[in-house]
């Protein structure tokens, strides 16, 4: 039986769910580095993960990750304090009932 990654070229972004030796399941999400009939190697955020073909439950190619969001207060993003998003005076918070 051919592994599910047989037709995926290296560099393809994939997710592969596999059984962990200690029990349970894990997902390897990232770029396929290399693969053969015995295993696939996926470059994840935490480093390369080697997935044995015998442990694979399911997998598929996936689209690229969405663009990272700018941190709050970054250029072009509203923030607390400073000028309001509409320009002009800084926004202040009023305490009611004091």
PDB file of N, CA and C in Angstrom:
ATOM      1  N   UNK A   1       0.846  -1.184   0.000  1.00  0.00           N
ATOM      2  CA  UNK A   1       0.000   0.000   0.000  1.00  0.00           C
ATOM      3  C   UNK A   1       0.890   1.246   0.000  1.00  0.00           C
ATOM      4  N   UNK A   2       0.573   2.186  -0.876  1.00  0.00           N
ATOM      5  CA  UNK A   2       1.338   3.432  -0.958  1.00  0.00           C
ATOM      6  C   UNK A   2       0.959   4.351   0.192  1.00  0.00           C
ATOM      7  N   UNK A   3       1.943   5.070   0.757  1.00  0.00           N
ATOM      8  CA  UNK A   3       1.594   6.032   1.818  1.00  0.00           C
ATOM      9  C   UNK A   3       0.780   7.184   1.239  1.00  0.00           C
ATOM     10  N   UNK A   4      -0.007   7.816   2.084  1.00  0.00           N
ATOM     11  CA  UNK A   4      -0.881   8.886   1.597  1.00  0.00           C
ATOM     12  C   UNK A   4      -0.093  10.052   1.035  1.00  0.00           C
ATOM     13  N   UNK A   5       1.151  10.218   1.423  1.00  0.00           N
ATOM     14  CA  UNK A   5       1.969  11.343   0.949  1.00  0.00           C
ATOM     15  C   UNK A   5       2.738  11.034  -0.333  1.00  0.00           C
ATOM     16  N   UNK A   6       2.471   9.908  -0.957  1.00  0.00           N
ATOM     17  CA  UNK A   6       3.224   9.487  -2.145  1.00  0.00           C
ATOM     18  C   UNK A   6       3.205  10.531  -3.264  1.00  0.00           C
ATOM     19  N   UNK A   7       2.121  11.280  -3.398  1.00  0.00           N
ATOM     20  CA  UNK A   7       2.001  12.260  -4.481  1.00  0.00           C
ATOM     21  C   UNK A   7       2.253  13.699  -4.039  1.00  0.00           C
ATOM     22  N   UNK A   8       2.652  13.905  -2.772  1.00  0.00           N
ATOM     23  CA  UNK A   8       2.902  15.260  -2.285  1.00  0.00           C
ATOM     24  C   UNK A   8       4.366  15.623  -2.500  1.00  0.00           C
ATOM     25  N   UNK A   9       4.647  16.678  -3.245  1.00  0.00           N
ATOM     26  CA  UNK A   9       6.051  17.079  -3.423  1.00  0.00           C
ATOM     27  C   UNK A   9       6.592  17.749  -2.156  1.00  0.00           C
ATOM     28  N   UNK A  10       7.898  17.637  -1.926  1.00  0.00           N
ATOM     29  CA  UNK A  10       8.491  18.357  -0.794  1.00  0.00           C
ATOM     30  C   UNK A  10       8.148  19.841  -0.891  1.00  0.00           C
ATOM     31  N   UNK A  11       7.905  20.456   0.269  1.00  0.00           N
ATOM     32  CA  UNK A  11       7.516  21.863   0.318  1.00  0.00           C
ATOM     33  C   UNK A  11       6.022  22.054   0.440  1.00  0.00           C
ATOM     34  N   UNK A  12       5.245  20.990   0.214  1.00  0.00           N
ATOM     35  CA  UNK A  12       3.793  21.076   0.356  1.00  0.00           C
ATOM     36  C   UNK A  12       3.450  21.254   1.828  1.00  0.00           C
ATOM     37  N   UNK A  13       2.547  22.174   2.139  1.00  0.00           N
ATOM     38  CA  UNK A  13       2.075  22.337   3.525  1.00  0.00           C
ATOM     39  C   UNK A  13       1.051  21.248   3.791  1.00  0.00           C
ATOM     40  N   UNK A  14       1.262  20.493   4.862  1.00  0.00           N
ATOM     41  CA  UNK A  14       0.423  19.335   5.148  1.00  0.00           C
ATOM     42  C   UNK A  14       0.067  19.267   6.630  1.00  0.00           C
ATOM     43  N   UNK A  15      -0.935  18.469   6.920  1.00  0.00           N
ATOM     44  CA  UNK A  15      -1.226  18.063   8.292  1.00  0.00           C
ATOM     45  C   UNK A  15      -1.359  16.543   8.271  1.00  0.00           C
ATOM     46  N   UNK A  16      -0.672  15.890   9.202  1.00  0.00           N
ATOM     47  CA  UNK A  16      -0.729  14.432   9.312  1.00  0.00           C
ATOM     48  C   UNK A  16      -1.056  14.085  10.758  1.00  0.00           C
ATOM     49  N   UNK A  17      -2.157  13.386  10.979  1.00  0.00           N
ATOM     50  CA  UNK A  17      -2.514  12.901  12.318  1.00  0.00           C
ATOM     51  C   UNK A  17      -1.944  11.495  12.464  1.00  0.00           C
ATOM     52  N   UNK A  18      -1.279  11.258  13.591  1.00  0.00           N
ATOM     53  CA  UNK A  18      -0.642   9.965  13.801  1.00  0.00           C
ATOM     54  C   UNK A  18      -0.780   9.517  15.257  1.00  0.00           C
ATOM     55  N   UNK A  19      -0.642   8.209  15.455  1.00  0.00           N
ATOM     56  CA  UNK A  19      -0.688   7.636  16.803  1.00  0.00           C
ATOM     57  C   UNK A  19       0.672   7.831  17.467  1.00  0.00           C
ATOM     58  N   UNK A  20       0.666   8.293  18.710  1.00  0.00           N
ATOM     59  CA  UNK A  20       1.906   8.452  19.471  1.00  0.00           C
ATOM     60  C   UNK A  20       2.268   7.123  20.123  1.00  0.00           C
ATOM     61  N   UNK A  21       3.552   6.815  20.241  1.00  0.00           N
ATOM     62  CA  UNK A  21       3.963   5.551  20.859  1.00  0.00           C
ATOM     63  C   UNK A  21       3.449   5.396  22.293  1.00  0.00           C
ATOM     64  N   UNK A  22       3.347   6.508  23.032  1.00  0.00           N
ATOM     65  CA  UNK A  22       2.889   6.442  24.421  1.00  0.00           C
ATOM     66  C   UNK A  22       1.370   6.465  24.547  1.00  0.00           C
ATOM     67  N   UNK A  23       0.683   6.500  23.414  1.00  0.00           N
ATOM     68  CA  UNK A  23      -0.781   6.522  23.402  1.00  0.00           C
ATOM     69  C   UNK A  23      -1.303   7.872  22.968  1.00  0.00           C
ATOM     70  N   UNK A  24      -2.491   7.897  22.458  1.00  0.00           N
ATOM     71  CA  UNK A  24      -3.100   9.126  21.984  1.00  0.00           C
ATOM     72  C   UNK A  24      -2.668   9.464  20.569  1.00  0.00           C
ATOM     73  N   UNK A  25      -3.033  10.646  20.155  1.00  0.00           N
ATOM     74  CA  UNK A  25      -2.758  11.104  18.800  1.00  0.00           C
ATOM     75  C   UNK A  25      -2.064  12.450  18.831  1.00  0.00           C
ATOM     76  N   UNK A  26      -1.407  12.789  17.730  1.00  0.00           N
ATOM     77  CA  UNK A  26      -0.777  14.099  17.553  1.00  0.00           C
ATOM     78  C   UNK A  26      -0.909  14.491  16.093  1.00  0.00           C
ATOM     79  N   UNK A  27      -0.814  15.781  15.837  1.00  0.00           N
ATOM     80  CA  UNK A  27      -0.849  16.309  14.477  1.00  0.00           C
ATOM     81  C   UNK A  27       0.500  16.939  14.156  1.00  0.00           C
ATOM     82  N   UNK A  28       1.003  16.638  12.984  1.00  0.00           N
ATOM     83  CA  UNK A  28       2.198  17.315  12.464  1.00  0.00           C
ATOM     84  C   UNK A  28       1.704  18.261  11.376  1.00  0.00           C
ATOM     85  N   UNK A  29       1.809  19.573  11.631  1.00  0.00           N
ATOM     86  CA  UNK A  29       1.351  20.596  10.697  1.00  0.00           C
ATOM     87  C   UNK A  29       2.545  21.422  10.259  1.00  0.00           C
ATOM     88  N   UNK A  30       2.807  21.440   8.966  1.00  0.00           N
ATOM     89  CA  UNK A  30       3.921  22.215   8.451  1.00  0.00           C
ATOM     90  C   UNK A  30       4.266  21.792   7.034  1.00  0.00           C
ATOM     91  N   UNK A  31       5.488  22.090   6.630  1.00  0.00           N
ATOM     92  CA  UNK A  31       5.935  21.785   5.272  1.00  0.00           C
ATOM     93  C   UNK A  31       6.577  20.401   5.215  1.00  0.00           C
ATOM     94  N   UNK A  32       6.184  19.626   4.212  1.00  0.00           N
ATOM     95  CA  UNK A  32       6.780  18.311   4.001  1.00  0.00           C
ATOM     96  C   UNK A  32       8.231  18.496   3.561  1.00  0.00           C
ATOM     97  N   UNK A  33       9.155  17.932   4.335  1.00  0.00           N
ATOM     98  CA  UNK A  33      10.580  18.062   4.029  1.00  0.00           C
ATOM     99  C   UNK A  33      11.016  16.934   3.106  1.00  0.00           C
ATOM    100  N   UNK A  34      10.682  15.708   3.493  1.00  0.00           N
ATOM    101  CA  UNK A  34      11.000  14.535   2.679  1.00  0.00           C
ATOM    102  C   UNK A  34      10.085  13.403   3.099  1.00  0.00           C
ATOM    103  N   UNK A  35       9.940  12.432   2.221  1.00  0.00           N
ATOM    104  CA  UNK A  35       9.074  11.298   2.515  1.00  0.00           C
ATOM    105  C   UNK A  35       9.492  10.110   1.664  1.00  0.00           C
ATOM    106  N   UNK A  36       9.265   8.927   2.203  1.00  0.00           N
ATOM    107  CA  UNK A  36       9.464   7.688   1.454  1.00  0.00           C
ATOM    108  C   UNK A  36       8.371   6.717   1.886  1.00  0.00           C
ATOM    109  N   UNK A  37       8.507   5.455   1.538  1.00  0.00           N
ATOM    110  CA  UNK A  37       7.464   4.483   1.887  1.00  0.00           C
ATOM    111  C   UNK A  37       7.368   4.224   3.385  1.00  0.00           C
ATOM    112  N   UNK A  38       8.416   4.538   4.147  1.00  0.00           N
ATOM    113  CA  UNK A  38       8.467   4.228   5.575  1.00  0.00           C
ATOM    114  C   UNK A  38       8.071   5.394   6.481  1.00  0.00           C
ATOM    115  N   UNK A  39       8.309   6.624   6.048  1.00  0.00           N
ATOM    116  CA  UNK A  39       8.097   7.776   6.931  1.00  0.00           C
ATOM    117  C   UNK A  39       7.975   9.072   6.136  1.00  0.00           C
ATOM    118  N   UNK A  40       7.429  10.083   6.808  1.00  0.00           N
ATOM    119  CA  UNK A  40       7.404  11.458   6.288  1.00  0.00           C
ATOM    120  C   UNK A  40       8.036  12.353   7.345  1.00  0.00           C
ATOM    121  N   UNK A  41       8.741  13.369   6.911  1.00  0.00           N
ATOM    122  CA  UNK A  41       9.328  14.356   7.822  1.00  0.00           C
ATOM    123  C   UNK A  41       8.664  15.693   7.515  1.00  0.00           C
ATOM    124  N   UNK A  42       8.073  16.290   8.570  1.00  0.00           N
ATOM    125  CA  UNK A  42       7.348  17.546   8.443  1.00  0.00           C
ATOM    126  C   UNK A  42       8.049  18.608   9.281  1.00  0.00           C
ATOM    127  N   UNK A  43       8.347  19.759   8.678  1.00  0.00           N
ATOM    128  CA  UNK A  43       8.946  20.883   9.401  1.00  0.00           C
ATOM    129  C   UNK A  43       7.819  21.677  10.053  1.00  0.00           C
ATOM    130  N   UNK A  44       7.691  21.539  11.378  1.00  0.00           N
ATOM    131  CA  UNK A  44       6.655  22.242  12.132  1.00  0.00           C
ATOM    132  C   UNK A  44       7.267  23.449  12.824  1.00  0.00           C
ATOM    133  N   UNK A  45       6.471  24.228  13.530  1.00  0.00           N
ATOM    134  CA  UNK A  45       6.976  25.379  14.291  1.00  0.00           C
ATOM    135  C   UNK A  45       7.996  24.952  15.338  1.00  0.00           C
ATOM    136  N   UNK A  46       7.836  23.749  15.853  1.00  0.00           N
ATOM    137  CA  UNK A  46       8.706  23.262  16.926  1.00  0.00           C
ATOM    138  C   UNK A  46       9.879  22.438  16.431  1.00  0.00           C
ATOM    139  N   UNK A  47      10.047  22.353  15.133  1.00  0.00           N
ATOM    140  CA  UNK A  47      11.142  21.574  14.566  1.00  0.00           C
ATOM    141  C   UNK A  47      10.612  20.457  13.685  1.00  0.00           C
ATOM    142  N   UNK A  48      11.531  19.623  13.201  1.00  0.00           N
ATOM    143  CA  UNK A  48      11.122  18.536  12.312  1.00  0.00           C
ATOM    144  C   UNK A  48      10.505  17.394  13.104  1.00  0.00           C
ATOM    145  N   UNK A  49       9.414  16.855  12.545  1.00  0.00           N
ATOM    146  CA  UNK A  49       8.722  15.718  13.142  1.00  0.00           C
ATOM    147  C   UNK A  49       8.769  14.578  12.141  1.00  0.00           C
ATOM    148  N   UNK A  50       9.258  13.427  12.587  1.00  0.00           N
ATOM    149  CA  UNK A  50       9.289  12.233  11.741  1.00  0.00           C
ATOM    150  C   UNK A  50       8.059  11.392  12.063  1.00  0.00           C
ATOM    151  N   UNK A  51       7.260  11.133  11.045  1.00  0.00           N
ATOM    152  CA  UNK A  51       6.017  10.393  11.222  1.00  0.00           C
ATOM    153  C   UNK A  51       6.151   9.042  10.520  1.00  0.00           C
ATOM    154  N   UNK A  52       6.171   7.934  11.281  1.00  0.00           N
ATOM    155  CA  UNK A  52       6.236   6.620  10.648  1.00  0.00           C
ATOM    156  C   UNK A  52       4.938   6.303   9.897  1.00  0.00           C
ATOM    157  N   UNK A  53       5.062   5.734   8.724  1.00  0.00           N
ATOM    158  CA  UNK A  53       3.882   5.409   7.911  1.00  0.00           C
ATOM    159  C   UNK A  53       2.902   4.516   8.674  1.00  0.00           C
ATOM    160  N   UNK A  54       3.413   3.595   9.483  1.00  0.00           N
ATOM    161  CA  UNK A  54       2.551   2.664  10.224  1.00  0.00           C
ATOM    162  C   UNK A  54       1.705   3.379  11.277  1.00  0.00           C
ATOM    163  N   UNK A  55       2.095   4.586  11.705  1.00  0.00           N
ATOM    164  CA  UNK A  55       1.367   5.301  12.749  1.00  0.00           C
ATOM    165  C   UNK A  55       0.332   6.281  12.201  1.00  0.00           C
ATOM    166  N   UNK A  56       0.319   6.502  10.899  1.00  0.00           N
ATOM    167  CA  UNK A  56      -0.558   7.515  10.296  1.00  0.00           C
ATOM    168  C   UNK A  56      -2.016   7.097  10.355  1.00  0.00           C
ATOM    169  N   UNK A  57      -2.856   8.046  10.766  1.00  0.00           N
ATOM    170  CA  UNK A  57      -4.297   7.834  10.799  1.00  0.00           C
ATOM    171  C   UNK A  57      -4.933   8.503   9.586  1.00  0.00           C
ATOM    172  N   UNK A  58      -4.575   9.772   9.356  1.00  0.00           N
ATOM    173  CA  UNK A  58      -5.122  10.539   8.248  1.00  0.00           C
ATOM    174  C   UNK A  58      -4.212  11.742   7.987  1.00  0.00           C
ATOM    175  N   UNK A  59      -4.303  12.310   6.811  1.00  0.00           N
ATOM    176  CA  UNK A  59      -3.514  13.491   6.492  1.00  0.00           C
ATOM    177  C   UNK A  59      -3.982  14.093   5.186  1.00  0.00           C
ATOM    178  N   UNK A  60      -3.572  15.331   4.958  1.00  0.00           N
ATOM    179  CA  UNK A  60      -3.952  16.002   3.715  1.00  0.00           C
ATOM    180  C   UNK A  60      -3.099  17.249   3.527  1.00  0.00           C
ATOM    181  N   UNK A  61      -2.985  17.716   2.283  1.00  0.00           N
ATOM    182  CA  UNK A  61      -2.374  19.024   2.046  1.00  0.00           C
ATOM    183  C   UNK A  61      -3.317  20.108   2.580  1.00  0.00           C
ATOM    184  N   UNK A  62      -2.752  21.197   3.063  1.00  0.00           N
ATOM    185  CA  UNK A  62      -3.555  22.302   3.594  1.00  0.00           C
ATOM    186  C   UNK A  62      -3.060  23.620   3.000  1.00  0.00           C
ATOM    187  N   UNK A  63      -3.922  24.656   3.017  1.00  0.00           N
ATOM    188  CA  UNK A  63      -3.504  25.946   2.469  1.00  0.00           C
ATOM    189  C   UNK A  63      -2.444  26.613   3.351  1.00  0.00           C
ATOM    190  N   UNK A  64      -1.792  27.631   2.817  1.00  0.00           N
ATOM    191  CA  UNK A  64      -0.800  28.357   3.613  1.00  0.00           C
ATOM    192  C   UNK A  64      -1.439  28.984   4.844  1.00  0.00           C
ATOM    193  N   UNK A  65      -0.652  29.265   5.879  1.00  0.00           N
ATOM    194  CA  UNK A  65      -1.227  29.899   7.070  1.00  0.00           C
ATOM    195  C   UNK A  65      -1.693  31.311   6.746  1.00  0.00           C
ATOM    196  N   UNK A  66      -2.675  31.816   7.500  1.00  0.00           N
ATOM    197  CA  UNK A  66      -3.109  33.199   7.267  1.00  0.00           C
ATOM    198  C   UNK A  66      -1.992  34.154   7.672  1.00  0.00           C
ATOM    199  N   UNK A  67      -2.005  35.369   7.128  1.00  0.00           N
ATOM    200  CA  UNK A  67      -0.974  36.331   7.525  1.00  0.00           C
ATOM    201  C   UNK A  67      -1.060  36.611   9.019  1.00  0.00           C
ATOM    202  N   UNK A  68       0.081  36.854   9.635  1.00  0.00           N
ATOM    203  CA  UNK A  68       0.104  37.167  11.066  1.00  0.00           C
ATOM    204  C   UNK A  68      -0.508  38.536  11.288  1.00  0.00           C
ATOM    205  N   UNK A  69      -1.237  38.649  12.385  1.00  0.00           N
ATOM    206  CA  UNK A  69      -1.842  39.928  12.731  1.00  0.00           C
ATOM    207  C   UNK A  69      -0.815  40.812  13.420  1.00  0.00           C
ATOM    208  N   UNK A  70      -0.927  42.108  13.182  1.00  0.00           N
ATOM    209  CA  UNK A  70      -0.036  43.060  13.848  1.00  0.00           C
ATOM    210  C   UNK A  70      -0.414  43.119  15.325  1.00  0.00           C
ATOM    211  N   UNK A  71       0.572  43.269  16.203  1.00  0.00           N
ATOM    212  CA  UNK A  71       0.245  43.395  17.625  1.00  0.00           C
ATOM    213  C   UNK A  71      -0.561  44.657  17.877  1.00  0.00           C
ATOM    214  N   UNK A  72      -1.383  44.642  18.925  1.00  0.00           N
ATOM    215  CA  UNK A  72      -2.180  45.822  19.257  1.00  0.00           C
ATOM    216  C   UNK A  72      -1.259  46.992  19.522  1.00  0.00           C
ATOM    217  N   UNK A  73      -1.667  48.152  19.035  1.00  0.00           N
ATOM    218  CA  UNK A  73      -0.867  49.350  19.218  1.00  0.00           C
ATOM    219  C   UNK A  73       0.157  49.556  18.119  1.00  0.00           C
ATOM    220  N   UNK A  74       0.230  48.633  17.178  1.00  0.00           N
ATOM    221  CA  UNK A  74       1.174  48.781  16.070  1.00  0.00           C
ATOM    222  C   UNK A  74       0.653  49.838  15.104  1.00  0.00           C
ATOM    223  N   UNK A  75       1.503  50.260  14.197  1.00  0.00           N
ATOM    224  CA  UNK A  75       1.156  51.263  13.192  1.00  0.00           C
ATOM    225  C   UNK A  75      -0.181  50.929  12.533  1.00  0.00           C
ATOM    226  N   UNK A  76      -1.090  51.875  12.534  1.00  0.00           N
ATOM    227  CA  UNK A  76      -2.369  51.688  11.862  1.00  0.00           C
ATOM    228  C   UNK A  76      -3.399  50.953  12.694  1.00  0.00           C
ATOM    229  N   UNK A  77      -3.059  50.550  13.911  1.00  0.00           N
ATOM    230  CA  UNK A  77      -3.992  49.839  14.775  1.00  0.00           C
ATOM    231  C   UNK A  77      -4.398  50.764  15.920  1.00  0.00           C
ATOM    232  N   UNK A  78      -5.675  50.769  16.294  1.00  0.00           N
ATOM    233  CA  UNK A  78      -6.074  51.588  17.437  1.00  0.00           C
ATOM    234  C   UNK A  78      -5.459  51.024  18.716  1.00  0.00           C
ATOM    235  N   UNK A  79      -5.162  51.903  19.640  1.00  0.00           N
ATOM    236  CA  UNK A  79      -4.608  51.470  20.913  1.00  0.00           C
ATOM    237  C   UNK A  79      -5.261  52.259  22.032  1.00  0.00           C
ATOM    238  N   UNK A  80      -5.058  51.830  23.234  1.00  0.00           N
ATOM    239  CA  UNK A  80      -5.563  52.571  24.381  1.00  0.00           C
ATOM    240  C   UNK A  80      -4.647  53.761  24.608  1.00  0.00           C
ATOM    241  N   UNK A  81      -5.228  54.915  24.881  1.00  0.00           N
ATOM    242  CA  UNK A  81      -4.423  56.112  25.076  1.00  0.00           C
ATOM    243  C   UNK A  81      -4.009  56.670  23.737  1.00  0.00           C
ATOM    244  N   UNK A  82      -3.236  57.756  23.744  1.00  0.00           N
ATOM    245  CA  UNK A  82      -2.791  58.344  22.494  1.00  0.00           C
ATOM    246  C   UNK A  82      -3.953  58.943  21.731  1.00  0.00           C
ATOM    247  N   UNK A  83      -3.753  59.245  20.474  1.00  0.00           N
ATOM    248  CA  UNK A  83      -4.811  59.828  19.664  1.00  0.00           C
ATOM    249  C   UNK A  83      -5.887  58.799  19.383  1.00  0.00           C
ATOM    250  N   UNK A  84      -7.110  59.279  19.236  1.00  0.00           N
ATOM    251  CA  UNK A  84      -8.197  58.371  18.899  1.00  0.00           C
ATOM    252  C   UNK A  84      -8.032  57.909  17.456  1.00  0.00           C
ATOM    253  N   UNK A  85      -8.750  56.864  17.102  1.00  0.00           N
ATOM    254  CA  UNK A  85      -8.664  56.327  15.745  1.00  0.00           C
ATOM    255  C   UNK A  85      -9.127  57.352  14.713  1.00  0.00           C
ATOM    256  N   UNK A  86      -9.929  58.333  15.139  1.00  0.00           N
ATOM    257  CA  UNK A  86     -10.433  59.353  14.227  1.00  0.00           C
ATOM    258  C   UNK A  86      -9.581  60.616  14.256  1.00  0.00           C
ATOM    259  N   UNK A  87      -8.492  60.597  15.006  1.00  0.00           N
ATOM    260  CA  UNK A  87      -7.639  61.777  15.126  1.00  0.00           C
ATOM    261  C   UNK A  87      -8.135  62.666  16.246  1.00  0.00           C
ATOM    262  N   UNK A  88      -7.401  63.706  16.538  1.00  0.00           N
ATOM    263  CA  UNK A  88      -7.832  64.651  17.567  1.00  0.00           C
ATOM    264  C   UNK A  88      -7.318  64.273  18.937  1.00  0.00           C
ATOM    265  N   UNK A  89      -8.112  64.601  19.948  1.00  0.00           N
ATOM    266  CA  UNK A  89      -7.689  64.427  21.342  1.00  0.00           C
ATOM    267  C   UNK A  89      -7.629  62.951  21.745  1.00  0.00           C
ATOM    268  N   UNK A  90      -6.741  62.656  22.696  1.00  0.00           N
ATOM    269  CA  UNK A  90      -6.671  61.285  23.205  1.00  0.00           C
ATOM    270  C   UNK A  90      -7.984  60.888  23.862  1.00  0.00           C
ATOM    271  N   UNK A  91      -8.293  59.621  23.799  1.00  0.00           N
ATOM    272  CA  UNK A  91      -9.491  59.078  24.425  1.00  0.00           C
ATOM    273  C   UNK A  91      -9.231  58.909  25.913  1.00  0.00           C
ATOM    274  N   UNK A  92     -10.186  59.333  26.734  1.00  0.00           N
ATOM    275  CA  UNK A  92     -10.060  59.108  28.177  1.00  0.00           C
ATOM    276  C   UNK A  92     -11.237  58.302  28.660  1.00  0.00           C
ATOM    277  N   UNK A  93     -11.026  57.557  29.707  1.00  0.00           N
ATOM    278  CA  UNK A  93     -12.086  56.753  30.294  1.00  0.00           C
ATOM    279  C   UNK A  93     -12.634  57.502  31.498  1.00  0.00           C
ATOM    280  N   UNK A  94     -13.952  57.611  31.584  1.00  0.00           N
ATOM    281  CA  UNK A  94     -14.580  58.292  32.722  1.00  0.00           C
ATOM    282  C   UNK A  94     -15.133  57.254  33.681  1.00  0.00           C
ATOM    283  N   UNK A  95     -14.996  57.535  34.919  1.00  0.00           N
ATOM    284  CA  UNK A  95     -15.562  56.663  35.942  1.00  0.00           C
ATOM    285  C   UNK A  95     -16.925  57.211  36.315  1.00  0.00           C
ATOM    286  N   UNK A  96     -17.947  56.375  36.245  1.00  0.00           N
ATOM    287  CA  UNK A  96     -19.316  56.818  36.554  1.00  0.00           C
ATOM    288  C   UNK A  96     -19.624  56.546  38.024  1.00  0.00           C
ATOM    289  N   UNK A  97     -20.378  57.434  38.642  1.00  0.00           N
ATOM    290  CA  UNK A  97     -20.848  57.236  40.005  1.00  0.00           C
ATOM    291  C   UNK A  97     -19.827  57.563  41.070  1.00  0.00           C
ATOM    292  N   UNK A  98     -18.816  58.339  40.767  1.00  0.00           N
ATOM    293  CA  UNK A  98     -17.818  58.672  41.782  1.00  0.00           C
ATOM    294  C   UNK A  98     -17.963  60.079  42.213  1.00  0.00           C
TER     295      UNK A  98
END
